[in-house]
Amino acid sequence: MPADFPATEPPALVCLGLSAFDMTWVVEKLAPGGKARAHSHHEGGGGMAATAAVAAARLGARTQFWGRAGDDMAGRAMRDELASQGVDVTHFRLFGQARSSVSGIVVDAQGERTIVNFRGEGLPDDPSWLPLGGVPACDAVLADPRWPEGAAALFTQARAHGVPTVLDGDVADSWIFDVLLPLTDFAVFSEPGLAGYAHSPDPAGTARGAPDGDAAIAAALAHARGRGCRVAAVTLGDRGVAWDAGAGMRRLPAFSVRAVDTTGAGDVFHGALAFALGLRWSIEDAFRFSAAVAACKCLHPGGRAGTPDLATAWAFLHRSKE
């Protein structure tokens, strides 16, 4: 760890949820209804909780990934890649007759991306095989909403033992958030995820555009927090991060960088947040650090390739204060 870093013992974390195999094309401009020539293409592991696990491991956390995939080419490739990144994949289970989650991603010249995801098929919901007895030894746990049964089991055990819980609030059915938010300490939404949960009356919780303006964001965060989480937050891209911990909305600006690729930035933010909360940092310090780690990632193509180590992120954070 950096000499001036305020900790010596790395946190122990569990990240549970989606691992997807990403196929990414980089184009000059998206061409709806037409054709576009890609000037770059790469493949590799992705998914919200899995990428968060990689980010936390790269920062130095002792990180486990708990998840499901098919026992197919994509599943085996994802498991091997996570292991190569220092993530413990003992409880990343590959199921025969199931199909892994796969994503197609198109990134334009400004670094913005469009994702099409197949969530997998035949993956069992039952979380009874998870090693929940090890949760009390964790410093923090994280889950995304793609396996709600697993997330609920993990968060219930964590809550029973005072282990902080972090929920990646991506777009999901409203009932999933209704189940998970009462078990959540930090619910960190994407803009579409928060908009869908706070504003959509339909049971699918379909996103209908992100909240616009401070008043709307504050109302949406208050709505989410009112469902039981201790802190409700939303990542706002180049507009920073906003959160409500019970005393009204607070905000931090984004770090100014020339983004090459924003793919995975939110996932990296969540992984860094779990790392910081595992070290028992304050809310503001944890969010500022997480934003710095995510900004570093955006300087490089790929959902994981640019994820910084602790020394790089810490140096970036200090340079930004000067």
Protein backbone atom coordinates (compact mmCIF):
# COMPACT_ATOMS: atom_id res chain seq x y z
CA MET A 1 0.00 0.00 0.00
CA PRO A 2 1.16 3.62 -0.53
CA ALA A 3 3.19 4.94 2.39
CA ASP A 4 0.61 7.63 3.21
CA PHE A 5 -2.40 5.33 2.81
CA PRO A 6 -4.51 5.29 6.02
CA ALA A 7 -4.63 1.51 6.45
CA THR A 8 -2.29 -1.46 6.56
CA GLU A 9 -4.60 -4.48 6.42
CA PRO A 10 -6.53 -5.03 3.16
CA PRO A 11 -10.26 -5.63 3.55
CA ALA A 12 -11.94 -8.98 2.94
CA LEU A 13 -14.88 -8.70 0.53
CA VAL A 14 -17.51 -10.82 -1.18
CA CYS A 15 -19.06 -9.67 -4.47
CA LEU A 16 -22.14 -11.60 -5.62
CA GLY A 17 -24.12 -11.41 -8.82
CA LEU A 18 -23.65 -11.13 -12.55
CA SER A 19 -20.67 -12.26 -14.56
CA ALA A 20 -21.13 -11.67 -18.29
CA PHE A 21 -18.86 -12.35 -21.24
CA ASP A 22 -18.42 -9.04 -23.07
CA MET A 23 -17.81 -8.63 -26.79
CA THR A 24 -16.91 -4.99 -27.50
CA TRP A 25 -16.70 -3.04 -30.75
CA VAL A 26 -15.25 0.49 -30.93
CA VAL A 27 -16.69 2.71 -33.66
CA GLU A 28 -16.43 6.35 -34.64
CA LYS A 29 -20.17 6.93 -34.40
CA LEU A 30 -23.19 4.78 -33.62
CA ALA A 31 -25.35 4.14 -36.67
CA PRO A 32 -28.93 3.28 -35.68
CA GLY A 33 -30.58 1.27 -38.43
CA GLY A 34 -27.40 1.22 -40.52
CA LYS A 35 -23.90 -0.17 -40.55
CA ALA A 36 -20.73 0.99 -38.83
CA ARG A 37 -17.15 -0.16 -39.22
CA ALA A 38 -15.37 -1.06 -35.98
CA HIS A 39 -11.74 -0.03 -35.71
CA SER A 40 -11.21 -2.15 -32.59
CA HIS A 41 -12.71 -5.30 -31.11
CA HIS A 42 -12.00 -7.19 -27.90
CA GLU A 43 -13.57 -9.85 -25.72
CA GLY A 44 -13.39 -10.62 -22.02
CA GLY A 45 -15.21 -10.86 -18.75
CA GLY A 46 -17.73 -8.27 -17.64
CA GLY A 47 -20.82 -8.05 -15.50
CA MET A 48 -21.57 -5.76 -12.59
CA ALA A 49 -20.53 -7.69 -9.50
CA ALA A 50 -17.74 -9.53 -11.31
CA THR A 51 -16.15 -6.30 -12.53
CA ALA A 52 -16.57 -4.79 -9.06
CA ALA A 53 -14.69 -7.81 -7.70
CA VAL A 54 -11.83 -7.20 -10.14
CA ALA A 55 -11.68 -3.52 -9.16
CA ALA A 56 -11.55 -4.35 -5.46
CA ALA A 57 -8.91 -7.04 -5.98
CA ARG A 58 -6.75 -4.67 -8.00
CA LEU A 59 -6.91 -2.20 -5.13
CA GLY A 60 -5.58 -4.94 -2.87
CA ALA A 61 -8.72 -6.37 -1.26
CA ARG A 62 -9.00 -10.07 -0.54
CA THR A 63 -11.96 -10.59 -2.82
CA GLN A 64 -14.27 -13.51 -3.50
CA PHE A 65 -16.78 -13.65 -6.34
CA TRP A 66 -19.93 -15.67 -5.74
CA GLY A 67 -21.98 -16.25 -8.85
CA ARG A 68 -23.41 -18.52 -11.50
CA ALA A 69 -22.67 -19.21 -15.15
CA GLY A 70 -23.11 -22.01 -17.64
CA ASP A 71 -20.46 -24.68 -17.96
CA ASP A 72 -19.74 -23.41 -21.44
CA MET A 73 -16.94 -21.59 -23.22
CA ALA A 74 -18.01 -18.18 -21.90
CA GLY A 75 -18.42 -19.43 -18.33
CA ARG A 76 -15.02 -21.09 -18.24
CA ALA A 77 -13.35 -18.05 -19.82
CA MET A 78 -14.93 -15.73 -17.25
CA ARG A 79 -13.91 -17.92 -14.33
CA ASP A 80 -10.32 -18.19 -15.57
CA GLU A 81 -10.05 -14.45 -16.17
CA LEU A 82 -11.34 -13.59 -12.69
CA ALA A 83 -8.85 -15.98 -11.15
CA SER A 84 -6.03 -14.41 -13.18
CA GLN A 85 -7.03 -11.01 -11.73
CA GLY A 86 -6.58 -12.23 -8.17
CA VAL A 87 -10.26 -12.92 -7.42
CA ASP A 88 -11.14 -16.07 -5.47
CA VAL A 89 -13.54 -18.02 -7.72
CA THR A 90 -14.04 -21.03 -5.45
CA HIS A 91 -17.74 -20.20 -5.26
CA PHE A 92 -18.27 -19.10 -8.85
CA ARG A 93 -20.28 -22.14 -9.87
CA LEU A 94 -20.64 -23.34 -13.47
CA PHE A 95 -23.84 -25.26 -14.13
CA GLY A 96 -24.22 -27.88 -16.84
CA GLN A 97 -27.16 -27.38 -19.23
CA ALA A 98 -27.17 -23.65 -18.38
CA ARG A 99 -26.10 -20.81 -20.67
CA SER A 100 -23.85 -17.98 -19.53
CA SER A 101 -24.69 -14.30 -19.73
CA VAL A 102 -23.21 -12.58 -22.80
CA SER A 103 -23.12 -8.87 -23.69
CA GLY A 104 -22.54 -6.99 -26.93
CA ILE A 105 -21.09 -3.51 -26.38
CA VAL A 106 -20.57 -0.70 -28.90
CA VAL A 107 -18.37 2.23 -27.83
CA ASP A 108 -18.23 5.48 -29.80
CA ALA A 109 -15.43 8.02 -30.20
CA GLN A 110 -16.58 9.97 -27.13
CA GLY A 111 -16.30 6.89 -24.93
CA GLU A 112 -20.06 6.45 -24.54
CA ARG A 113 -21.37 2.92 -24.89
CA THR A 114 -24.49 0.96 -25.73
CA ILE A 115 -24.93 -2.50 -24.20
CA VAL A 116 -27.16 -5.39 -25.22
CA ASN A 117 -27.16 -8.17 -22.62
CA PHE A 118 -28.40 -11.76 -22.65
CA ARG A 119 -28.75 -12.60 -18.97
CA GLY A 120 -28.23 -16.32 -19.36
CA GLU A 121 -30.55 -19.28 -19.25
CA GLY A 122 -31.11 -22.21 -16.92
CA LEU A 123 -29.21 -20.70 -13.99
CA PRO A 124 -30.77 -21.96 -10.73
CA ASP A 125 -32.13 -19.37 -8.30
CA ASP A 126 -31.56 -21.46 -5.16
CA PRO A 127 -28.73 -19.92 -3.05
CA SER A 128 -28.53 -22.75 -0.51
CA TRP A 129 -25.06 -23.78 -1.74
CA LEU A 130 -23.49 -20.43 -0.83
CA PRO A 131 -20.94 -20.56 2.03
CA LEU A 132 -22.76 -18.03 4.19
CA GLY A 133 -20.91 -19.14 7.30
CA GLY A 134 -17.89 -17.18 6.07
CA VAL A 135 -19.70 -13.85 5.86
CA PRO A 136 -18.95 -12.74 9.46
CA ALA A 137 -15.25 -12.69 8.56
CA CYS A 138 -15.85 -10.17 5.76
CA ASP A 139 -15.32 -6.43 6.06
CA ALA A 140 -18.02 -5.62 3.47
CA VAL A 141 -20.17 -7.41 0.90
CA LEU A 142 -21.57 -6.28 -2.44
CA ALA A 143 -24.32 -7.59 -4.70
CA ASP A 144 -26.06 -6.55 -7.89
CA PRO A 145 -29.76 -7.22 -8.58
CA ARG A 146 -29.32 -9.99 -11.15
CA TRP A 147 -29.53 -12.83 -8.61
CA PRO A 148 -31.94 -11.47 -5.98
CA GLU A 149 -32.23 -14.75 -4.08
CA GLY A 150 -28.47 -14.92 -3.65
CA ALA A 151 -28.23 -11.23 -2.77
CA ALA A 152 -30.96 -11.52 -0.14
CA ALA A 153 -29.24 -14.53 1.46
CA LEU A 154 -25.87 -12.74 1.51
CA PHE A 155 -27.24 -9.45 2.84
CA THR A 156 -29.36 -11.13 5.51
CA GLN A 157 -26.29 -12.91 6.87
CA ALA A 158 -24.19 -9.76 6.63
CA ARG A 159 -26.77 -7.68 8.46
CA ALA A 160 -26.96 -10.26 11.25
CA HIS A 161 -23.24 -9.83 11.85
CA GLY A 162 -22.81 -6.08 11.30
CA VAL A 163 -21.04 -6.40 7.94
CA PRO A 164 -21.71 -3.41 5.61
CA THR A 165 -23.78 -4.21 2.51
CA VAL A 166 -23.46 -2.44 -0.86
CA LEU A 167 -26.14 -2.80 -3.55
CA ASP A 168 -25.46 -2.00 -7.20
CA GLY A 169 -28.75 -0.36 -8.17
CA ASP A 170 -28.83 -1.03 -11.88
CA VAL A 171 -32.15 -1.21 -13.73
CA ALA A 172 -34.22 -4.03 -12.24
CA ASP A 173 -37.78 -5.00 -11.42
CA SER A 174 -39.14 -2.92 -8.55
CA TRP A 175 -39.90 -5.95 -6.40
CA ILE A 176 -36.19 -6.78 -6.30
CA PHE A 177 -35.37 -3.42 -4.73
CA ASP A 178 -38.33 -3.78 -2.39
CA VAL A 179 -36.76 -7.00 -1.11
CA LEU A 180 -33.13 -5.88 -1.02
CA LEU A 181 -33.24 -2.25 0.16
CA PRO A 182 -34.28 -3.10 3.75
CA LEU A 183 -31.14 -5.28 3.90
CA THR A 184 -28.87 -2.64 2.33
CA ASP A 185 -26.55 -0.12 3.94
CA PHE A 186 -25.39 1.60 0.72
CA ALA A 187 -27.66 1.44 -2.34
CA VAL A 188 -25.79 3.06 -5.24
CA PHE A 189 -28.01 3.40 -8.30
CA SER A 190 -27.30 4.18 -11.91
CA GLU A 191 -29.40 7.08 -13.21
CA PRO A 192 -31.76 4.81 -15.18
CA GLY A 193 -31.95 2.42 -12.23
CA LEU A 194 -32.97 5.17 -9.83
CA ALA A 195 -35.42 6.72 -12.30
CA GLY A 196 -37.07 3.38 -12.93
CA TYR A 197 -37.47 2.57 -9.27
CA ALA A 198 -38.51 6.00 -8.06
CA HIS A 199 -40.85 7.05 -10.86
CA SER A 200 -42.27 4.06 -12.69
CA PRO A 201 -45.65 2.81 -11.47
CA ASP A 202 -45.50 -0.44 -13.43
CA PRO A 203 -44.29 -3.64 -11.72
CA ALA A 204 -41.40 -4.04 -14.13
CA GLY A 205 -39.87 -0.78 -12.89
CA THR A 206 -39.00 0.23 -16.44
CA ALA A 207 -36.61 3.19 -16.60
CA ARG A 208 -38.17 6.25 -18.20
CA GLY A 209 -35.25 8.62 -18.30
CA ALA A 210 -32.96 9.74 -15.55
CA PRO A 211 -34.05 12.20 -12.87
CA ASP A 212 -33.43 15.76 -14.07
CA GLY A 213 -32.34 18.50 -11.72
CA ASP A 214 -31.37 18.53 -8.07
CA ALA A 215 -34.93 18.52 -6.76
CA ALA A 216 -35.88 15.48 -8.80
CA ILE A 217 -32.70 13.63 -7.83
CA ALA A 218 -33.25 14.46 -4.16
CA ALA A 219 -36.84 13.20 -4.33
CA ALA A 220 -35.77 9.99 -6.04
CA LEU A 221 -33.06 9.35 -3.45
CA ALA A 222 -35.50 10.03 -0.63
CA HIS A 223 -37.92 7.57 -2.20
CA ALA A 224 -35.26 4.86 -2.33
CA ARG A 225 -34.01 5.58 1.16
CA GLY A 226 -37.57 5.42 2.44
CA ARG A 227 -37.65 1.77 1.40
CA GLY A 228 -35.09 0.87 4.07
CA CYS A 229 -31.49 1.44 2.98
CA ARG A 230 -29.21 3.51 5.21
CA VAL A 231 -27.70 5.53 2.35
CA ALA A 232 -29.20 5.99 -1.13
CA ALA A 233 -26.85 7.27 -3.82
CA VAL A 234 -26.73 7.73 -7.58
CA THR A 235 -23.75 7.96 -9.91
CA LEU A 236 -24.23 10.78 -12.42
CA GLY A 237 -21.36 10.30 -14.86
CA ASP A 238 -19.56 13.56 -15.54
CA ARG A 239 -21.92 15.26 -13.04
CA GLY A 240 -20.47 13.36 -10.10
CA VAL A 241 -22.31 11.47 -7.39
CA ALA A 242 -25.23 12.40 -5.13
CA TRP A 243 -26.40 10.72 -1.96
CA ASP A 244 -28.85 10.95 0.92
CA ALA A 245 -27.82 9.55 4.31
CA GLY A 246 -30.82 10.96 6.16
CA ALA A 247 -29.94 14.65 6.30
CA GLY A 248 -30.86 15.67 2.77
CA MET A 249 -28.99 15.31 -0.49
CA ARG A 250 -25.27 15.91 -0.78
CA ARG A 251 -23.14 15.94 -3.91
CA LEU A 252 -19.57 15.56 -5.05
CA PRO A 253 -18.41 16.71 -8.50
CA ALA A 254 -16.85 14.30 -10.95
CA PHE A 255 -13.13 14.30 -11.64
CA SER A 256 -12.37 15.92 -14.97
CA VAL A 257 -10.81 13.41 -17.36
CA ARG A 258 -10.82 12.83 -21.11
CA ALA A 259 -12.83 9.61 -21.20
CA VAL A 260 -11.78 6.94 -23.66
CA ASP A 261 -14.35 4.33 -22.62
CA THR A 262 -16.93 4.54 -19.83
CA THR A 263 -17.76 0.82 -19.95
CA GLY A 264 -17.62 -0.63 -16.45
CA ALA A 265 -17.09 2.72 -14.72
CA GLY A 266 -20.10 2.25 -12.46
CA ASP A 267 -19.07 -1.30 -11.60
CA VAL A 268 -15.55 -0.13 -10.75
CA PHE A 269 -17.06 2.63 -8.59
CA HIS A 270 -19.02 0.02 -6.63
CA GLY A 271 -15.99 -2.21 -6.14
CA ALA A 272 -13.93 0.72 -4.89
CA LEU A 273 -16.77 1.72 -2.57
CA ALA A 274 -16.90 -1.75 -1.02
CA PHE A 275 -13.12 -1.53 -0.55
CA ALA A 276 -13.38 1.86 1.19
CA LEU A 277 -16.33 0.88 3.36
CA GLY A 278 -14.50 -2.28 4.33
CA LEU A 279 -11.84 0.03 5.75
CA ARG A 280 -14.58 1.97 7.61
CA TRP A 281 -14.00 5.26 5.84
CA SER A 282 -16.48 8.11 6.11
CA ILE A 283 -19.23 8.33 3.51
CA GLU A 284 -17.75 11.36 1.76
CA ASP A 285 -14.21 9.98 1.71
CA ALA A 286 -15.47 6.65 0.40
CA PHE A 287 -17.43 8.28 -2.42
CA ARG A 288 -14.56 10.59 -3.38
CA PHE A 289 -12.12 7.68 -3.53
CA SER A 290 -14.55 5.57 -5.56
CA ALA A 291 -15.08 8.40 -8.03
CA ALA A 292 -11.32 8.73 -8.46
CA VAL A 293 -10.93 5.01 -9.14
CA ALA A 294 -13.76 5.10 -11.70
CA ALA A 295 -12.25 8.17 -13.39
CA CYS A 296 -8.93 6.36 -13.76
CA LYS A 297 -10.73 3.46 -15.40
CA CYS A 298 -12.34 5.76 -17.99
CA LEU A 299 -8.89 6.71 -19.30
CA HIS A 300 -8.53 3.26 -20.89
CA PRO A 301 -10.60 1.05 -23.22
CA GLY A 302 -12.40 -1.99 -21.89
CA GLY A 303 -14.52 -2.58 -18.82
CA ARG A 304 -11.61 -3.81 -16.71
CA ALA A 305 -8.34 -3.11 -18.50
CA GLY A 306 -7.92 0.38 -17.10
CA THR A 307 -8.95 -0.38 -13.53
CA PRO A 308 -6.15 1.14 -11.41
CA ASP A 309 -4.15 -0.38 -8.63
CA LEU A 310 -4.15 1.38 -5.27
CA ALA A 311 -0.95 3.35 -5.87
CA THR A 312 -2.28 4.73 -9.16
CA ALA A 313 -5.68 5.65 -7.73
CA TRP A 314 -4.16 7.21 -4.62
CA ALA A 315 -1.73 9.30 -6.69
CA PHE A 316 -4.57 10.44 -8.99
CA LEU A 317 -6.66 11.45 -6.00
CA HIS A 318 -3.84 13.50 -4.51
CA ARG A 319 -2.98 15.18 -7.83
CA SER A 320 -6.62 16.17 -8.19
CA LYS A 321 -6.54 17.94 -4.82
CA GLU A 322 -3.61 20.12 -5.82
